Amino acid sequence: MLSKRFKAKFDATSIDEFVGEFKQTMPGYPCPSTSIVDRGLLDISNIDLPMKFKIRRNKRHHSHGGHALHKKNLGNSIEQRPKEVEDRATPLHWEGDLVKSVRRKNQPALMTLTERTTRFEVVIKILDYRASTCQRLLRKEIDQHPDWFKTITFDNSSEFADMAKIKNCQIYFAHPYSLWERGTNENCSGLLRQFFPKGKSMKDKTAAYVQQATNAINHKHRRIHQYHTAEELFKQYISS
């Protein structure tokens, strides 16, 4: 069962998440541990665990000086964001960015929106990443789900230059070159990379493919949620 799960095309589950899910759904049954996989006792190797190859230790430079001073101010700074956003106790506050394959503005990309409390992910394929395109598609998403979005915090990049024009959701911008200020979204974007590798065009990726990849992330049984999924928690919030 474990071997079959990790060899599936659309799966973003870690070993820990599988074990947590298994213990919830199959109480009393023996379950393999992470160490068993690492010792090679199952028909799984690191090639079946894409995130094994992606983990790198990067130094964080929490400075807003240097090049940051030359970046354009696109709108309300993250420093103006309500304090309730910080502790994640209140849902429906989001972080957003683009996941790009080929770095040209006329190439398709993915707009990713991550809800901070539940880690629920919304992914929208865009045909190009011009500022007008990004703003139009975000406005369409908000119009479809007007009760989902209280705030969204974006990167301070030119693709989001028109976002401050959106009126029915409060938009904030992180400091330039400060990925850690949108760490939740960065993590989810990293998970998407196993389905959308860098350097490979997204032109042939259908809406169905994008949705399957999104579901793989939203259906992860996360330790931070006591092995419930982001989708479960998000649906609970919006239905309450």
C-alpha atoms as a PDB file:
ATOM      1  CA  MET A   1       0.000   0.000   0.000  1.00  0.00           C
ATOM      2  CA  LEU A   2       2.783   2.419   0.952  1.00  0.00           C
ATOM      3  CA  SER A   3       4.864   1.572  -2.119  1.00  0.00           C
ATOM      4  CA  LYS A   4       1.878   2.020  -4.428  1.00  0.00           C
ATOM      5  CA  ARG A   5       0.980   5.362  -2.813  1.00  0.00           C
ATOM      6  CA  PHE A   6       4.364   6.980  -3.318  1.00  0.00           C
ATOM      7  CA  LYS A   7       4.699   5.802  -6.897  1.00  0.00           C
ATOM      8  CA  ALA A   8       1.392   7.460  -7.854  1.00  0.00           C
ATOM      9  CA  LYS A   9       1.634  10.275 -10.412  1.00  0.00           C
ATOM     10  CA  PHE A  10      -0.303  12.844  -8.415  1.00  0.00           C
ATOM     11  CA  ASP A  11       0.833  12.531  -4.839  1.00  0.00           C
ATOM     12  CA  ALA A  12       2.669  15.013  -2.627  1.00  0.00           C
ATOM     13  CA  THR A  13       2.538  12.947   0.576  1.00  0.00           C
ATOM     14  CA  SER A  14       5.590  12.618   2.801  1.00  0.00           C
ATOM     15  CA  ILE A  15       6.416   9.450   4.745  1.00  0.00           C
ATOM     16  CA  ASP A  16       5.402  11.130   8.006  1.00  0.00           C
ATOM     17  CA  GLU A  17       2.074  12.237   6.531  1.00  0.00           C
ATOM     18  CA  PHE A  18       1.329   8.743   5.263  1.00  0.00           C
ATOM     19  CA  VAL A  19       2.080   7.220   8.671  1.00  0.00           C
ATOM     20  CA  GLY A  20      -0.130   9.791  10.420  1.00  0.00           C
ATOM     21  CA  GLU A  21      -2.976   9.221   7.967  1.00  0.00           C
ATOM     22  CA  PHE A  22      -2.646   5.422   8.220  1.00  0.00           C
ATOM     23  CA  LYS A  23      -2.803   5.478  12.008  1.00  0.00           C
ATOM     24  CA  GLN A  24      -5.980   7.576  11.867  1.00  0.00           C
ATOM     25  CA  THR A  25      -7.784   5.487   9.269  1.00  0.00           C
ATOM     26  CA  MET A  26      -6.460   2.027  10.238  1.00  0.00           C
ATOM     27  CA  PRO A  27      -6.090   2.052  14.035  1.00  0.00           C
ATOM     28  CA  GLY A  28      -4.577  -1.098  15.476  1.00  0.00           C
ATOM     29  CA  TYR A  29      -2.876  -2.168  12.246  1.00  0.00           C
ATOM     30  CA  PRO A  30       0.936  -2.316  12.004  1.00  0.00           C
ATOM     31  CA  CYS A  31       2.366   0.600  10.058  1.00  0.00           C
ATOM     32  CA  PRO A  32       5.893   1.115   8.668  1.00  0.00           C
ATOM     33  CA  SER A  33       7.934   3.994  10.044  1.00  0.00           C
ATOM     34  CA  THR A  34      10.169   6.517   8.322  1.00  0.00           C
ATOM     35  CA  SER A  35      13.273   4.599   9.430  1.00  0.00           C
ATOM     36  CA  ILE A  36      12.053   1.441   7.676  1.00  0.00           C
ATOM     37  CA  VAL A  37      11.856   3.343   4.402  1.00  0.00           C
ATOM     38  CA  ASP A  38      15.274   4.940   4.913  1.00  0.00           C
ATOM     39  CA  ARG A  39      16.808   1.512   5.573  1.00  0.00           C
ATOM     40  CA  GLY A  40      15.546   0.276   2.207  1.00  0.00           C
ATOM     41  CA  LEU A  41      13.220  -2.375   3.617  1.00  0.00           C
ATOM     42  CA  LEU A  42      10.357  -1.404   1.300  1.00  0.00           C
ATOM     43  CA  ASP A  43      10.117  -1.045  -2.453  1.00  0.00           C
ATOM     44  CA  ILE A  44      10.598   2.720  -2.232  1.00  0.00           C
ATOM     45  CA  SER A  45      13.675   4.791  -2.959  1.00  0.00           C
ATOM     46  CA  ASN A  46      14.455   8.489  -2.739  1.00  0.00           C
ATOM     47  CA  ILE A  47      13.460   8.873  -6.391  1.00  0.00           C
ATOM     48  CA  ASP A  48       9.872   8.205  -5.264  1.00  0.00           C
ATOM     49  CA  LEU A  49      10.138  11.018  -2.705  1.00  0.00           C
ATOM     50  CA  PRO A  50      10.719  14.181  -4.756  1.00  0.00           C
ATOM     51  CA  MET A  51      11.083  16.497  -1.772  1.00  0.00           C
ATOM     52  CA  LYS A  52      14.133  14.501  -0.626  1.00  0.00           C
ATOM     53  CA  PHE A  53      16.060  16.101  -3.464  1.00  0.00           C
ATOM     54  CA  LYS A  54      14.687  19.610  -2.916  1.00  0.00           C
ATOM     55  CA  ILE A  55      15.621  20.204   0.712  1.00  0.00           C
ATOM     56  CA  ARG A  56      18.471  22.687   0.914  1.00  0.00           C
ATOM     57  CA  ARG A  57      19.668  24.768   3.800  1.00  0.00           C
ATOM     58  CA  ASN A  58      19.625  28.420   2.801  1.00  0.00           C
ATOM     59  CA  LYS A  59      20.777  31.264   4.975  1.00  0.00           C
ATOM     60  CA  ARG A  60      18.110  33.844   5.597  1.00  0.00           C
ATOM     61  CA  HIS A  61      19.107  37.456   5.339  1.00  0.00           C
ATOM     62  CA  HIS A  62      16.461  39.430   7.195  1.00  0.00           C
ATOM     63  CA  SER A  63      17.537  42.771   5.842  1.00  0.00           C
ATOM     64  CA  HIS A  64      15.444  45.203   3.870  1.00  0.00           C
ATOM     65  CA  GLY A  65      18.397  47.319   2.806  1.00  0.00           C
ATOM     66  CA  GLY A  66      20.625  47.214  -0.265  1.00  0.00           C
ATOM     67  CA  HIS A  67      18.720  46.485  -3.460  1.00  0.00           C
ATOM     68  CA  ALA A  68      15.420  46.657  -1.581  1.00  0.00           C
ATOM     69  CA  LEU A  69      15.689  50.427  -1.429  1.00  0.00           C
ATOM     70  CA  HIS A  70      15.421  50.610  -5.217  1.00  0.00           C
ATOM     71  CA  LYS A  71      12.262  48.506  -5.468  1.00  0.00           C
ATOM     72  CA  LYS A  72       9.018  50.284  -6.306  1.00  0.00           C
ATOM     73  CA  ASN A  73       6.380  50.523  -3.584  1.00  0.00           C
ATOM     74  CA  LEU A  74       3.346  48.789  -5.112  1.00  0.00           C
ATOM     75  CA  GLY A  75       0.865  49.525  -2.331  1.00  0.00           C
ATOM     76  CA  ASN A  76       0.195  48.786   1.340  1.00  0.00           C
ATOM     77  CA  SER A  77       3.227  47.302   3.062  1.00  0.00           C
ATOM     78  CA  ILE A  78       3.048  44.072   5.053  1.00  0.00           C
ATOM     79  CA  GLU A  79       3.839  46.262   8.068  1.00  0.00           C
ATOM     80  CA  GLN A  80       0.324  47.712   7.766  1.00  0.00           C
ATOM     81  CA  ARG A  81      -1.324  44.297   7.800  1.00  0.00           C
ATOM     82  CA  PRO A  82      -3.734  43.634  10.721  1.00  0.00           C
ATOM     83  CA  LYS A  83      -2.118  41.922  13.713  1.00  0.00           C
ATOM     84  CA  GLU A  84      -4.717  39.143  13.554  1.00  0.00           C
ATOM     85  CA  VAL A  85      -3.056  37.867  10.386  1.00  0.00           C
ATOM     86  CA  GLU A  86       0.203  37.072  12.144  1.00  0.00           C
ATOM     87  CA  ASP A  87      -0.946  34.399  14.606  1.00  0.00           C
ATOM     88  CA  ARG A  88      -3.082  32.511  12.025  1.00  0.00           C
ATOM     89  CA  ALA A  89      -5.969  32.257  14.490  1.00  0.00           C
ATOM     90  CA  THR A  90      -8.317  33.981  12.050  1.00  0.00           C
ATOM     91  CA  PRO A  91      -8.746  32.267   8.663  1.00  0.00           C
ATOM     92  CA  LEU A  92      -9.156  33.698   5.155  1.00  0.00           C
ATOM     93  CA  HIS A  93      -5.891  35.625   5.072  1.00  0.00           C
ATOM     94  CA  TRP A  94      -3.759  34.556   2.106  1.00  0.00           C
ATOM     95  CA  GLU A  95      -0.277  34.727   0.620  1.00  0.00           C
ATOM     96  CA  GLY A  96       0.270  34.814  -3.135  1.00  0.00           C
ATOM     97  CA  ASP A  97       2.950  34.504  -5.788  1.00  0.00           C
ATOM     98  CA  LEU A  98       3.649  33.085  -9.246  1.00  0.00           C
ATOM     99  CA  VAL A  99       5.257  29.757 -10.081  1.00  0.00           C
ATOM    100  CA  LYS A 100       7.049  30.164 -13.402  1.00  0.00           C
ATOM    101  CA  SER A 101       8.502  27.538 -15.701  1.00  0.00           C
ATOM    102  CA  VAL A 102      10.106  29.545 -18.494  1.00  0.00           C
ATOM    103  CA  ARG A 103      10.917  33.055 -17.313  1.00  0.00           C
ATOM    104  CA  ARG A 104       9.386  35.097 -20.128  1.00  0.00           C
ATOM    105  CA  LYS A 105       6.305  37.260 -19.700  1.00  0.00           C
ATOM    106  CA  ASN A 106       4.564  35.672 -22.704  1.00  0.00           C
ATOM    107  CA  GLN A 107       4.865  32.197 -21.168  1.00  0.00           C
ATOM    108  CA  PRO A 108       2.207  30.504 -19.005  1.00  0.00           C
ATOM    109  CA  ALA A 109       2.654  30.484 -15.255  1.00  0.00           C
ATOM    110  CA  LEU A 110       0.685  29.564 -12.144  1.00  0.00           C
ATOM    111  CA  MET A 111      -0.773  32.053  -9.715  1.00  0.00           C
ATOM    112  CA  THR A 112      -0.700  30.405  -6.302  1.00  0.00           C
ATOM    113  CA  LEU A 113      -2.777  31.554  -3.330  1.00  0.00           C
ATOM    114  CA  THR A 114      -2.215  29.909   0.063  1.00  0.00           C
ATOM    115  CA  GLU A 115      -4.577  30.391   3.010  1.00  0.00           C
ATOM    116  CA  ARG A 116      -2.377  30.996   6.055  1.00  0.00           C
ATOM    117  CA  THR A 117      -4.386  29.139   8.711  1.00  0.00           C
ATOM    118  CA  THR A 118      -5.320  25.948   6.850  1.00  0.00           C
ATOM    119  CA  ARG A 119      -2.611  25.955   4.121  1.00  0.00           C
ATOM    120  CA  PHE A 120      -5.402  25.465   1.564  1.00  0.00           C
ATOM    121  CA  GLU A 121      -4.103  26.164  -1.928  1.00  0.00           C
ATOM    122  CA  VAL A 122      -5.778  27.821  -4.913  1.00  0.00           C
ATOM    123  CA  VAL A 123      -3.815  27.512  -8.161  1.00  0.00           C
ATOM    124  CA  ILE A 124      -4.743  29.374 -11.338  1.00  0.00           C
ATOM    125  CA  LYS A 125      -3.003  28.846 -14.678  1.00  0.00           C
ATOM    126  CA  ILE A 126      -2.359  32.147 -16.428  1.00  0.00           C
ATOM    127  CA  LEU A 127      -1.389  32.456 -20.096  1.00  0.00           C
ATOM    128  CA  ASP A 128       1.202  35.146 -19.382  1.00  0.00           C
ATOM    129  CA  TYR A 129       2.363  36.965 -16.296  1.00  0.00           C
ATOM    130  CA  ARG A 130       1.799  40.541 -17.219  1.00  0.00           C
ATOM    131  CA  ALA A 131       0.423  42.662 -14.382  1.00  0.00           C
ATOM    132  CA  SER A 132      -2.913  43.200 -16.132  1.00  0.00           C
ATOM    133  CA  THR A 133      -3.388  39.446 -16.643  1.00  0.00           C
ATOM    134  CA  CYS A 134      -2.605  38.636 -13.020  1.00  0.00           C
ATOM    135  CA  GLN A 135      -4.970  41.294 -11.726  1.00  0.00           C
ATOM    136  CA  ARG A 136      -7.817  40.264 -14.022  1.00  0.00           C
ATOM    137  CA  LEU A 137      -7.649  36.586 -13.055  1.00  0.00           C
ATOM    138  CA  LEU A 138      -7.352  37.314  -9.347  1.00  0.00           C
ATOM    139  CA  ARG A 139     -10.370  39.603  -9.525  1.00  0.00           C
ATOM    140  CA  LYS A 140     -12.281  36.807 -11.280  1.00  0.00           C
ATOM    141  CA  GLU A 141     -11.336  34.341  -8.527  1.00  0.00           C
ATOM    142  CA  ILE A 142     -12.409  36.756  -5.789  1.00  0.00           C
ATOM    143  CA  ASP A 143     -15.694  37.465  -7.586  1.00  0.00           C
ATOM    144  CA  GLN A 144     -16.386  33.707  -7.721  1.00  0.00           C
ATOM    145  CA  HIS A 145     -15.648  33.280  -3.998  1.00  0.00           C
ATOM    146  CA  PRO A 146     -16.308  36.669  -2.354  1.00  0.00           C
ATOM    147  CA  ASP A 147     -16.387  35.188   1.162  1.00  0.00           C
ATOM    148  CA  TRP A 148     -13.003  33.501   0.909  1.00  0.00           C
ATOM    149  CA  PHE A 149     -10.626  36.445   0.847  1.00  0.00           C
ATOM    150  CA  LYS A 150     -10.035  39.003   3.603  1.00  0.00           C
ATOM    151  CA  THR A 151      -6.426  39.882   2.795  1.00  0.00           C
ATOM    152  CA  ILE A 152      -3.754  38.686   0.366  1.00  0.00           C
ATOM    153  CA  THR A 153      -0.037  39.387   0.767  1.00  0.00           C
ATOM    154  CA  PHE A 154       1.988  39.321  -2.454  1.00  0.00           C
ATOM    155  CA  ASP A 155       5.627  39.552  -3.395  1.00  0.00           C
ATOM    156  CA  ASN A 156       6.753  43.059  -4.323  1.00  0.00           C
ATOM    157  CA  SER A 157       7.276  42.132  -7.996  1.00  0.00           C
ATOM    158  CA  SER A 158       6.143  43.906 -11.157  1.00  0.00           C
ATOM    159  CA  GLU A 159       3.638  41.135 -11.964  1.00  0.00           C
ATOM    160  CA  PHE A 160       1.539  42.350  -9.031  1.00  0.00           C
ATOM    161  CA  ALA A 161       1.734  46.054  -9.845  1.00  0.00           C
ATOM    162  CA  ASP A 162      -2.018  46.269 -10.542  1.00  0.00           C
ATOM    163  CA  MET A 163      -3.197  44.306  -7.507  1.00  0.00           C
ATOM    164  CA  ALA A 164      -3.739  47.395  -5.352  1.00  0.00           C
ATOM    165  CA  LYS A 165      -6.607  48.319  -7.694  1.00  0.00           C
ATOM    166  CA  ILE A 166      -8.675  45.403  -6.367  1.00  0.00           C
ATOM    167  CA  LYS A 167     -11.334  46.836  -4.053  1.00  0.00           C
ATOM    168  CA  ASN A 168     -13.135  43.859  -2.480  1.00  0.00           C
ATOM    169  CA  CYS A 169     -10.047  42.353  -0.822  1.00  0.00           C
ATOM    170  CA  GLN A 170      -7.266  44.133   1.054  1.00  0.00           C
ATOM    171  CA  ILE A 171      -3.909  43.655  -0.708  1.00  0.00           C
ATOM    172  CA  TYR A 172      -0.519  43.926   1.023  1.00  0.00           C
ATOM    173  CA  PHE A 173       3.027  43.571  -0.261  1.00  0.00           C
ATOM    174  CA  ALA A 174       5.992  41.887   1.396  1.00  0.00           C
ATOM    175  CA  HIS A 175       9.356  43.610   1.569  1.00  0.00           C
ATOM    176  CA  PRO A 176      11.541  43.071  -1.513  1.00  0.00           C
ATOM    177  CA  TYR A 177      13.782  39.982  -1.386  1.00  0.00           C
ATOM    178  CA  SER A 178      12.040  38.729   1.775  1.00  0.00           C
ATOM    179  CA  LEU A 179      10.691  35.287   0.896  1.00  0.00           C
ATOM    180  CA  TRP A 180      10.271  34.352   4.571  1.00  0.00           C
ATOM    181  CA  GLU A 181       7.469  36.906   4.882  1.00  0.00           C
ATOM    182  CA  ARG A 182       5.392  34.621   2.657  1.00  0.00           C
ATOM    183  CA  GLY A 183       6.833  31.353   3.877  1.00  0.00           C
ATOM    184  CA  THR A 184       3.550  29.437   3.782  1.00  0.00           C
ATOM    185  CA  ASN A 185       3.069  30.203   0.105  1.00  0.00           C
ATOM    186  CA  GLU A 186       6.722  29.511  -0.705  1.00  0.00           C
ATOM    187  CA  ASN A 187       6.407  26.054   0.843  1.00  0.00           C
ATOM    188  CA  CYS A 188       3.328  25.189  -1.202  1.00  0.00           C
ATOM    189  CA  SER A 189       4.924  26.543  -4.369  1.00  0.00           C
ATOM    190  CA  GLY A 190       7.869  24.250  -3.701  1.00  0.00           C
ATOM    191  CA  LEU A 191       5.506  21.277  -3.515  1.00  0.00           C
ATOM    192  CA  LEU A 192       4.068  22.232  -6.911  1.00  0.00           C
ATOM    193  CA  ARG A 193       7.507  21.963  -8.491  1.00  0.00           C
ATOM    194  CA  GLN A 194       7.322  18.182  -8.622  1.00  0.00           C
ATOM    195  CA  PHE A 195       4.438  18.621 -11.083  1.00  0.00           C
ATOM    196  CA  PHE A 196       5.750  21.769 -12.821  1.00  0.00           C
ATOM    197  CA  PRO A 197       9.566  21.611 -13.017  1.00  0.00           C
ATOM    198  CA  LYS A 198      11.622  24.695 -13.757  1.00  0.00           C
ATOM    199  CA  GLY A 199      12.605  25.220 -17.375  1.00  0.00           C
ATOM    200  CA  LYS A 200       9.778  23.119 -18.807  1.00  0.00           C
ATOM    201  CA  SER A 201       6.956  25.058 -20.469  1.00  0.00           C
ATOM    202  CA  MET A 202       3.462  24.799 -19.019  1.00  0.00           C
ATOM    203  CA  LYS A 203       1.770  25.316 -22.381  1.00  0.00           C
ATOM    204  CA  ASP A 204       0.621  21.696 -22.578  1.00  0.00           C
ATOM    205  CA  LYS A 205      -0.665  21.564 -18.980  1.00  0.00           C
ATOM    206  CA  THR A 206      -4.456  21.391 -18.989  1.00  0.00           C
ATOM    207  CA  ALA A 207      -6.826  22.766 -16.367  1.00  0.00           C
ATOM    208  CA  ALA A 208      -7.477  19.173 -15.285  1.00  0.00           C
ATOM    209  CA  TYR A 209      -3.754  18.583 -14.744  1.00  0.00           C
ATOM    210  CA  VAL A 210      -3.428  21.778 -12.697  1.00  0.00           C
ATOM    211  CA  GLN A 211      -6.413  20.754 -10.567  1.00  0.00           C
ATOM    212  CA  GLN A 212      -4.991  17.275  -9.952  1.00  0.00           C
ATOM    213  CA  ALA A 213      -1.705  18.783  -8.798  1.00  0.00           C
ATOM    214  CA  THR A 214      -3.567  21.229  -6.548  1.00  0.00           C
ATOM    215  CA  ASN A 215      -5.640  18.401  -5.069  1.00  0.00           C
ATOM    216  CA  ALA A 216      -2.469  16.457  -4.296  1.00  0.00           C
ATOM    217  CA  ILE A 217      -1.331  19.325  -2.066  1.00  0.00           C
ATOM    218  CA  ASN A 218      -4.714  20.054  -0.500  1.00  0.00           C
ATOM    219  CA  HIS A 219      -5.190  16.363   0.326  1.00  0.00           C
ATOM    220  CA  LYS A 220      -1.905  16.008   2.228  1.00  0.00           C
ATOM    221  CA  HIS A 221      -2.477  14.793   5.806  1.00  0.00           C
ATOM    222  CA  ARG A 222      -0.289  17.360   7.555  1.00  0.00           C
ATOM    223  CA  ARG A 223       1.314  16.929  10.948  1.00  0.00           C
ATOM    224  CA  ILE A 224       0.677  20.608  11.747  1.00  0.00           C
ATOM    225  CA  HIS A 225      -3.067  19.845  11.420  1.00  0.00           C
ATOM    226  CA  GLN A 226      -2.922  16.620  13.469  1.00  0.00           C
ATOM    227  CA  TYR A 227      -2.926  14.763  10.130  1.00  0.00           C
ATOM    228  CA  HIS A 228      -6.063  16.361   8.780  1.00  0.00           C
ATOM    229  CA  THR A 229      -5.924  17.865   5.308  1.00  0.00           C
ATOM    230  CA  ALA A 230      -5.955  21.526   4.329  1.00  0.00           C
ATOM    231  CA  GLU A 231      -9.118  20.915   2.333  1.00  0.00           C
ATOM    232  CA  GLU A 232     -10.917  19.411   5.339  1.00  0.00           C
ATOM    233  CA  LEU A 233     -10.087  22.372   7.561  1.00  0.00           C
ATOM    234  CA  PHE A 234     -10.814  24.986   4.915  1.00  0.00           C
ATOM    235  CA  LYS A 235     -14.249  23.517   4.209  1.00  0.00           C
ATOM    236  CA  GLN A 236     -14.984  23.499   7.938  1.00  0.00           C
ATOM    237  CA  TYR A 237     -14.128  27.191   8.192  1.00  0.00           C
ATOM    238  CA  ILE A 238     -16.179  28.371   5.233  1.00  0.00           C
ATOM    239  CA  SER A 239     -19.205  26.277   6.204  1.00  0.00           C
ATOM    240  CA  SER A 240     -19.257  27.404   9.850  1.00  0.00           C
END
